[in-house]
PDB file of N, CA and C in Angstrom:
ATOM      1  N   MET A   1     -94.313 -58.043  40.319  1.00  0.00           N
ATOM      2  CA  MET A   1     -94.772 -59.481  41.573  1.00  0.00           C
ATOM      3  C   MET A   1     -96.615 -58.616  40.670  1.00  0.00           C
ATOM      4  N   GLN A   2     -97.384 -59.900  40.497  1.00  0.00           N
ATOM      5  CA  GLN A   2     -98.348 -59.988  40.610  1.00  0.00           C
ATOM      6  C   GLN A   2     -99.242 -60.205  40.713  1.00  0.00           C
ATOM      7  N   GLU A   3    -100.895 -59.738  41.168  1.00  0.00           N
ATOM      8  CA  GLU A   3    -101.141 -60.584  42.381  1.00  0.00           C
ATOM      9  C   GLU A   3    -102.335 -61.856  41.437  1.00  0.00           C
ATOM     10  N   THR A   4    -103.006 -62.745  42.455  1.00  0.00           N
ATOM     11  CA  THR A   4    -103.712 -63.849  42.110  1.00  0.00           C
ATOM     12  C   THR A   4    -105.182 -63.126  41.997  1.00  0.00           C
ATOM     13  N   PRO A   5    -105.699 -63.352  40.727  1.00  0.00           N
ATOM     14  CA  PRO A   5    -107.480 -63.278  39.933  1.00  0.00           C
ATOM     15  C   PRO A   5    -108.070 -63.481  41.355  1.00  0.00           C
ATOM     16  N   GLU A   6    -108.001 -64.469  42.409  1.00  0.00           N
ATOM     17  CA  GLU A   6    -108.633 -64.164  42.968  1.00  0.00           C
ATOM     18  C   GLU A   6    -109.244 -63.031  44.292  1.00  0.00           C
ATOM     19  N   LYS A   7    -108.148 -62.307  44.093  1.00  0.00           N
ATOM     20  CA  LYS A   7    -108.084 -61.248  44.855  1.00  0.00           C
ATOM     21  C   LYS A   7    -108.751 -59.738  44.787  1.00  0.00           C
ATOM     22  N   HIS A   8    -108.796 -60.189  42.980  1.00  0.00           N
ATOM     23  CA  HIS A   8    -110.386 -58.743  42.600  1.00  0.00           C
ATOM     24  C   HIS A   8    -111.029 -60.235  41.698  1.00  0.00           C
ATOM     25  N   PRO A   9    -112.173 -60.423  41.955  1.00  0.00           N
ATOM     26  CA  PRO A   9    -112.888 -61.117  41.156  1.00  0.00           C
ATOM     27  C   PRO A   9    -113.473 -60.293  39.712  1.00  0.00           C
ATOM     28  N   GLU A  10    -113.493 -58.908  40.446  1.00  0.00           N
ATOM     29  CA  GLU A  10    -114.121 -58.011  39.838  1.00  0.00           C
ATOM     30  C   GLU A  10    -113.563 -57.755  38.209  1.00  0.00           C
ATOM     31  N   PHE A  11    -112.453 -57.168  38.228  1.00  0.00           N
ATOM     32  CA  PHE A  11    -111.243 -57.021  36.665  1.00  0.00           C
ATOM     33  C   PHE A  11    -110.760 -57.532  36.023  1.00  0.00           C
ATOM     34  N   ASP A  12    -111.881 -57.491  35.335  1.00  0.00           N
ATOM     35  CA  ASP A  12    -110.765 -58.405  33.208  1.00  0.00           C
ATOM     36  C   ASP A  12    -110.452 -57.610  33.218  1.00  0.00           C
ATOM     37  N   PRO A  13    -109.043 -58.016  32.609  1.00  0.00           N
ATOM     38  CA  PRO A  13    -108.474 -57.714  31.733  1.00  0.00           C
ATOM     39  C   PRO A  13    -108.548 -57.198  30.369  1.00  0.00           C
ATOM     40  N   GLU A  14    -109.561 -58.410  30.021  1.00  0.00           N
ATOM     41  CA  GLU A  14    -109.839 -57.970  28.928  1.00  0.00           C
ATOM     42  C   GLU A  14    -110.664 -56.771  28.019  1.00  0.00           C
ATOM     43  N   THR A  15    -112.180 -56.161  29.229  1.00  0.00           N
ATOM     44  CA  THR A  15    -112.647 -55.405  29.139  1.00  0.00           C
ATOM     45  C   THR A  15    -112.692 -54.042  30.294  1.00  0.00           C
ATOM     46  N   TYR A  16    -110.790 -53.436  31.066  1.00  0.00           N
ATOM     47  CA  TYR A  16    -111.027 -52.761  31.306  1.00  0.00           C
ATOM     48  C   TYR A  16    -110.398 -51.730  30.580  1.00  0.00           C
ATOM     49  N   THR A  17    -110.738 -50.393  30.690  1.00  0.00           N
ATOM     50  CA  THR A  17    -110.096 -49.031  30.219  1.00  0.00           C
ATOM     51  C   THR A  17    -109.750 -48.150  31.355  1.00  0.00           C
ATOM     52  N   ASP A  18    -108.633 -47.718  31.118  1.00  0.00           N
ATOM     53  CA  ASP A  18    -108.204 -46.593  32.088  1.00  0.00           C
ATOM     54  C   ASP A  18    -108.713 -45.479  31.197  1.00  0.00           C
ATOM     55  N   PRO A  19    -109.971 -44.583  31.977  1.00  0.00           N
ATOM     56  CA  PRO A  19    -110.726 -43.372  32.121  1.00  0.00           C
ATOM     57  C   PRO A  19    -109.414 -41.987  31.622  1.00  0.00           C
ATOM     58  N   ILE A  20    -108.427 -42.456  32.413  1.00  0.00           N
ATOM     59  CA  ILE A  20    -107.007 -41.346  31.824  1.00  0.00           C
ATOM     60  C   ILE A  20    -106.917 -41.534  30.791  1.00  0.00           C
ATOM     61  N   LEU A  21    -106.167 -43.402  30.361  1.00  0.00           N
ATOM     62  CA  LEU A  21    -106.052 -43.009  28.497  1.00  0.00           C
ATOM     63  C   LEU A  21    -106.850 -43.013  27.642  1.00  0.00           C
ATOM     64  N   GLU A  22    -108.401 -42.826  27.961  1.00  0.00           N
ATOM     65  CA  GLU A  22    -109.445 -43.136  27.177  1.00  0.00           C
ATOM     66  C   GLU A  22    -109.523 -41.444  26.680  1.00  0.00           C
ATOM     67  N   GLU A  23    -109.883 -40.489  27.220  1.00  0.00           N
ATOM     68  CA  GLU A  23    -109.729 -39.396  27.697  1.00  0.00           C
ATOM     69  C   GLU A  23    -108.061 -38.790  26.657  1.00  0.00           C
ATOM     70  N   CYS A  24    -107.558 -39.429  26.643  1.00  0.00           N
ATOM     71  CA  CYS A  24    -105.612 -39.334  26.172  1.00  0.00           C
ATOM     72  C   CYS A  24    -106.379 -39.454  24.886  1.00  0.00           C
ATOM     73  N   TYR A  25    -106.690 -40.718  24.529  1.00  0.00           N
ATOM     74  CA  TYR A  25    -106.963 -40.823  23.299  1.00  0.00           C
ATOM     75  C   TYR A  25    -107.849 -39.961  22.386  1.00  0.00           C
ATOM     76  N   ARG A  26    -109.049 -39.928  23.157  1.00  0.00           N
ATOM     77  CA  ARG A  26    -110.238 -38.791  22.571  1.00  0.00           C
ATOM     78  C   ARG A  26    -109.407 -37.745  22.092  1.00  0.00           C
ATOM     79  N   ILE A  27    -108.790 -36.819  22.875  1.00  0.00           N
ATOM     80  CA  ILE A  27    -108.022 -35.517  23.031  1.00  0.00           C
ATOM     81  C   ILE A  27    -107.241 -36.290  21.272  1.00  0.00           C
ATOM     82  N   LYS A  28    -105.860 -37.290  21.531  1.00  0.00           N
ATOM     83  CA  LYS A  28    -105.288 -36.804  20.290  1.00  0.00           C
ATOM     84  C   LYS A  28    -106.108 -37.490  19.408  1.00  0.00           C
ATOM     85  N   ALA A  29    -106.863 -37.794  19.212  1.00  0.00           N
ATOM     86  CA  ALA A  29    -108.152 -38.650  17.532  1.00  0.00           C
ATOM     87  C   ALA A  29    -108.750 -37.407  17.762  1.00  0.00           C
ATOM     88  N   GLU A  30    -108.898 -36.614  18.124  1.00  0.00           N
ATOM     89  CA  GLU A  30    -109.524 -34.806  17.821  1.00  0.00           C
ATOM     90  C   GLU A  30    -108.644 -33.906  17.245  1.00  0.00           C
ATOM     91  N   ILE A  31    -107.368 -33.577  18.095  1.00  0.00           N
ATOM     92  CA  ILE A  31    -106.519 -33.160  17.541  1.00  0.00           C
ATOM     93  C   ILE A  31    -105.841 -34.183  15.945  1.00  0.00           C
ATOM     94  N   SER A  32    -105.578 -35.123  15.629  1.00  0.00           N
ATOM     95  CA  SER A  32    -105.987 -35.485  14.587  1.00  0.00           C
ATOM     96  C   SER A  32    -107.055 -35.427  13.792  1.00  0.00           C
ATOM     97  N   ALA A  33    -107.845 -34.719  13.845  1.00  0.00           N
ATOM     98  CA  ALA A  33    -108.954 -34.558  13.046  1.00  0.00           C
ATOM     99  C   ALA A  33    -108.921 -33.093  12.188  1.00  0.00           C
ATOM    100  N   GLN A  34    -108.075 -32.501  13.104  1.00  0.00           N
ATOM    101  CA  GLN A  34    -108.254 -31.428  12.880  1.00  0.00           C
ATOM    102  C   GLN A  34    -107.315 -31.457  11.828  1.00  0.00           C
ATOM    103  N   PHE A  35    -105.746 -31.561  12.567  1.00  0.00           N
ATOM    104  CA  PHE A  35    -104.935 -31.469  11.822  1.00  0.00           C
ATOM    105  C   PHE A  35    -104.359 -32.827  10.436  1.00  0.00           C
ATOM    106  N   LYS A  36    -103.780 -32.034   9.832  1.00  0.00           N
ATOM    107  CA  LYS A  36    -103.483 -33.178   9.404  1.00  0.00           C
ATOM    108  C   LYS A  36    -101.695 -33.450   9.164  1.00  0.00           C
ATOM    109  N   LYS A  37    -101.164 -32.216   9.161  1.00  0.00           N
ATOM    110  CA  LYS A  37     -99.842 -32.269   9.769  1.00  0.00           C
ATOM    111  C   LYS A  37     -99.335 -31.864  10.221  1.00  0.00           C
ATOM    112  N   PRO A  38     -98.430 -32.229  11.067  1.00  0.00           N
ATOM    113  CA  PRO A  38     -97.530 -31.908  12.280  1.00  0.00           C
ATOM    114  C   PRO A  38     -97.187 -30.370  11.872  1.00  0.00           C
ATOM    115  N   GLY A  39     -96.750 -29.196  10.930  1.00  0.00           N
ATOM    116  CA  GLY A  39     -96.831 -28.181  10.553  1.00  0.00           C
ATOM    117  C   GLY A  39     -97.902 -27.315  10.983  1.00  0.00           C
ATOM    118  N   GLU A  40     -98.802 -28.681  10.906  1.00  0.00           N
ATOM    119  CA  GLU A  40    -100.146 -26.788  11.042  1.00  0.00           C
ATOM    120  C   GLU A  40    -100.030 -27.353  11.788  1.00  0.00           C
ATOM    121  N   LEU A  41    -101.010 -28.646  13.496  1.00  0.00           N
ATOM    122  CA  LEU A  41    -100.810 -27.703  14.228  1.00  0.00           C
ATOM    123  C   LEU A  41     -99.058 -26.901  14.970  1.00  0.00           C
ATOM    124  N   TYR A  42     -98.204 -27.443  15.116  1.00  0.00           N
ATOM    125  CA  TYR A  42     -97.138 -26.915  14.716  1.00  0.00           C
ATOM    126  C   TYR A  42     -97.599 -24.888  15.320  1.00  0.00           C
ATOM    127  N   ALA A  43     -98.045 -24.774  13.699  1.00  0.00           N
ATOM    128  CA  ALA A  43     -98.338 -23.032  13.491  1.00  0.00           C
ATOM    129  C   ALA A  43     -99.179 -22.976  14.035  1.00  0.00           C
ATOM    130  N   TYR A  44    -100.656 -23.453  14.457  1.00  0.00           N
ATOM    131  CA  TYR A  44    -102.165 -23.293  15.045  1.00  0.00           C
ATOM    132  C   TYR A  44    -101.296 -22.913  16.837  1.00  0.00           C
ATOM    133  N   LEU A  45    -100.100 -23.372  17.214  1.00  0.00           N
ATOM    134  CA  LEU A  45    -100.090 -24.228  18.017  1.00  0.00           C
ATOM    135  C   LEU A  45     -98.917 -22.062  18.379  1.00  0.00           C
ATOM    136  N   LYS A  46     -98.047 -22.400  17.548  1.00  0.00           N
ATOM    137  CA  LYS A  46     -97.324 -21.349  17.461  1.00  0.00           C
ATOM    138  C   LYS A  46     -98.472 -19.635  17.538  1.00  0.00           C
ATOM    139  N   ALA A  47     -99.178 -19.448  16.393  1.00  0.00           N
ATOM    140  CA  ALA A  47    -100.369 -18.506  16.365  1.00  0.00           C
ATOM    141  C   ALA A  47    -101.466 -18.228  17.704  1.00  0.00           C
ATOM    142  N   MET A  48    -101.682 -19.155  17.675  1.00  0.00           N
ATOM    143  CA  MET A  48    -102.317 -19.211  20.055  1.00  0.00           C
ATOM    144  C   MET A  48    -101.245 -18.332  20.580  1.00  0.00           C
ATOM    145  N   GLN A  49     -99.836 -18.870  20.193  1.00  0.00           N
ATOM    146  CA  GLN A  49     -98.794 -18.227  21.828  1.00  0.00           C
ATOM    147  C   GLN A  49     -99.092 -16.998  20.896  1.00  0.00           C
ATOM    148  N   GLU A  50     -98.505 -16.890  19.935  1.00  0.00           N
ATOM    149  CA  GLU A  50     -98.423 -15.039  19.911  1.00  0.00           C
ATOM    150  C   GLU A  50     -99.243 -13.939  19.959  1.00  0.00           C
ATOM    151  N   GLU A  51    -100.930 -14.635  20.320  1.00  0.00           N
ATOM    152  CA  GLU A  51    -102.010 -13.769  20.435  1.00  0.00           C
ATOM    153  C   GLU A  51    -102.156 -14.112  21.794  1.00  0.00           C
ATOM    154  N   ASN A  52    -101.827 -14.790  22.858  1.00  0.00           N
ATOM    155  CA  ASN A  52    -101.207 -15.098  24.251  1.00  0.00           C
ATOM    156  C   ASN A  52    -100.621 -13.222  24.928  1.00  0.00           C
ATOM    157  N   LYS A  53     -99.395 -13.872  23.806  1.00  0.00           N
ATOM    158  CA  LYS A  53     -98.503 -12.647  23.881  1.00  0.00           C
ATOM    159  C   LYS A  53     -98.811 -10.986  23.875  1.00  0.00           C
ATOM    160  N   ARG A  54     -99.750 -11.187  23.403  1.00  0.00           N
ATOM    161  CA  ARG A  54    -100.195 -10.166  22.241  1.00  0.00           C
ATOM    162  C   ARG A  54    -101.728  -9.535  23.649  1.00  0.00           C
ATOM    163  N   ASN A  55    -102.172 -10.802  24.276  1.00  0.00           N
ATOM    164  CA  ASN A  55    -103.279  -9.937  25.088  1.00  0.00           C
ATOM    165  C   ASN A  55    -102.659  -9.976  26.742  1.00  0.00           C
ATOM    166  N   GLY A  56    -100.956 -10.816  26.740  1.00  0.00           N
ATOM    167  CA  GLY A  56    -100.476 -10.244  28.218  1.00  0.00           C
ATOM    168  C   GLY A  56     -99.848 -11.078  28.984  1.00  0.00           C
ATOM    169  N   ILE A  57    -100.135 -12.828  28.598  1.00  0.00           N
ATOM    170  CA  ILE A  57     -99.587 -13.399  29.310  1.00  0.00           C
ATOM    171  C   ILE A  57     -98.292 -13.731  29.213  1.00  0.00           C
ATOM    172  N   LYS A  58     -97.200 -14.242  29.916  1.00  0.00           N
ATOM    173  CA  LYS A  58     -95.831 -14.304  29.531  1.00  0.00           C
ATOM    174  C   LYS A  58     -95.670 -15.633  29.729  1.00  0.00           C
ATOM    175  N   TYR A  59     -94.797 -15.650  29.510  1.00  0.00           N
ATOM    176  CA  TYR A  59     -94.004 -17.086  28.975  1.00  0.00           C
ATOM    177  C   TYR A  59     -92.217 -17.276  29.797  1.00  0.00           C
ATOM    178  N   VAL A  60     -92.537 -18.577  30.204  1.00  0.00           N
ATOM    179  CA  VAL A  60     -91.649 -18.320  31.139  1.00  0.00           C
ATOM    180  C   VAL A  60     -90.491 -19.512  30.071  1.00  0.00           C
ATOM    181  N   SER A  61     -89.106 -19.037  29.810  1.00  0.00           N
ATOM    182  CA  SER A  61     -88.257 -20.361  29.114  1.00  0.00           C
ATOM    183  C   SER A  61     -87.464 -20.697  29.987  1.00  0.00           C
ATOM    184  N   TYR A  62     -87.307 -21.543  30.699  1.00  0.00           N
ATOM    185  CA  TYR A  62     -86.657 -22.775  31.361  1.00  0.00           C
ATOM    186  C   TYR A  62     -85.136 -23.050  30.924  1.00  0.00           C
ATOM    187  N   TYR A  63     -85.064 -22.798  29.583  1.00  0.00           N
ATOM    188  CA  TYR A  63     -84.147 -22.716  29.357  1.00  0.00           C
ATOM    189  C   TYR A  63     -82.099 -22.347  29.568  1.00  0.00           C
ATOM    190  N   ASP A  64     -81.199 -22.667  30.459  1.00  0.00           N
ATOM    191  CA  ASP A  64     -80.894 -21.989  31.327  1.00  0.00           C
ATOM    192  C   ASP A  64     -79.326 -21.353  30.315  1.00  0.00           C
ATOM    193  N   PRO A  65     -78.751 -20.410  29.197  1.00  0.00           N
ATOM    194  CA  PRO A  65     -77.359 -20.366  28.650  1.00  0.00           C
ATOM    195  C   PRO A  65     -76.333 -21.201  29.677  1.00  0.00           C
ATOM    196  N   SER A  66     -76.232 -20.503  30.469  1.00  0.00           N
ATOM    197  CA  SER A  66     -75.033 -20.780  31.465  1.00  0.00           C
ATOM    198  C   SER A  66     -74.557 -22.317  32.034  1.00  0.00           C
ATOM    199  N   LYS A  67     -76.075 -23.032  31.383  1.00  0.00           N
ATOM    200  CA  LYS A  67     -75.844 -24.676  31.939  1.00  0.00           C
ATOM    201  C   LYS A  67     -75.623 -24.683  31.099  1.00  0.00           C
ATOM    202  N   HIS A  68     -75.762 -24.464  30.271  1.00  0.00           N
ATOM    203  CA  HIS A  68     -75.341 -25.312  28.659  1.00  0.00           C
ATOM    204  C   HIS A  68     -73.356 -24.953  28.179  1.00  0.00           C
ATOM    205  N   THR A  69     -72.938 -25.527  28.026  1.00  0.00           N
ATOM    206  CA  THR A  69     -71.801 -25.381  27.460  1.00  0.00           C
ATOM    207  C   THR A  69     -71.553 -25.920  26.585  1.00  0.00           C
ATOM    208  N   PRO A  70     -70.653 -24.626  25.088  1.00  0.00           N
ATOM    209  CA  PRO A  70     -70.907 -25.550  23.551  1.00  0.00           C
ATOM    210  C   PRO A  70     -70.134 -26.640  23.226  1.00  0.00           C
ATOM    211  N   SER A  71     -69.874 -27.399  23.200  1.00  0.00           N
ATOM    212  CA  SER A  71     -68.908 -28.770  22.895  1.00  0.00           C
ATOM    213  C   SER A  71     -68.080 -28.100  22.135  1.00  0.00           C
ATOM    214  N   GLU A  72     -66.852 -28.460  22.658  1.00  0.00           N
ATOM    215  CA  GLU A  72     -65.252 -27.526  21.762  1.00  0.00           C
ATOM    216  C   GLU A  72     -65.157 -28.824  20.740  1.00  0.00           C
ATOM    217  N   LYS A  73     -65.423 -28.859  19.684  1.00  0.00           N
ATOM    218  CA  LYS A  73     -64.456 -29.450  18.407  1.00  0.00           C
ATOM    219  C   LYS A  73     -62.718 -30.498  19.056  1.00  0.00           C
ATOM    220  N   SER A  74     -62.723 -32.112  18.589  1.00  0.00           N
ATOM    221  CA  SER A  74     -61.305 -32.079  19.385  1.00  0.00           C
ATOM    222  C   SER A  74     -61.329 -32.356  17.853  1.00  0.00           C
ATOM    223  N   GLU A  75     -60.141 -32.799  18.524  1.00  0.00           N
ATOM    224  CA  GLU A  75     -58.959 -33.042  16.930  1.00  0.00           C
ATOM    225  C   GLU A  75     -59.281 -34.049  15.840  1.00  0.00           C
ATOM    226  N   ASP A  76     -60.313 -35.050  16.582  1.00  0.00           N
ATOM    227  CA  ASP A  76     -60.666 -36.562  16.406  1.00  0.00           C
ATOM    228  C   ASP A  76     -61.231 -36.134  15.010  1.00  0.00           C
ATOM    229  N   ASP A  77     -62.382 -34.821  14.974  1.00  0.00           N
ATOM    230  CA  ASP A  77     -63.355 -34.404  14.717  1.00  0.00           C
ATOM    231  C   ASP A  77     -62.690 -33.935  12.934  1.00  0.00           C
ATOM    232  N   ASP A  78     -61.924 -33.465  12.859  1.00  0.00           N
ATOM    233  CA  ASP A  78     -61.300 -31.821  11.567  1.00  0.00           C
ATOM    234  C   ASP A  78     -61.997 -33.767   9.899  1.00  0.00           C
TER     235      ASP A  78
END
């Protein structure tokens, strides 16, 4: 349901900017400027994770192998 413009006369959708989205776009631009390829970003994040582990920060895995059963091949897959 859309509200009529009379309820919010100061709101102009043409010039409105969401501050949260603006911050996300700024961060994205910074990351894109620093890392030209996704592999570079991955290597950086992996190195940071290893450094944090050496400094005693513990990481928790949310993966529970007991909840994931391997799919069995059906006879039709052959």
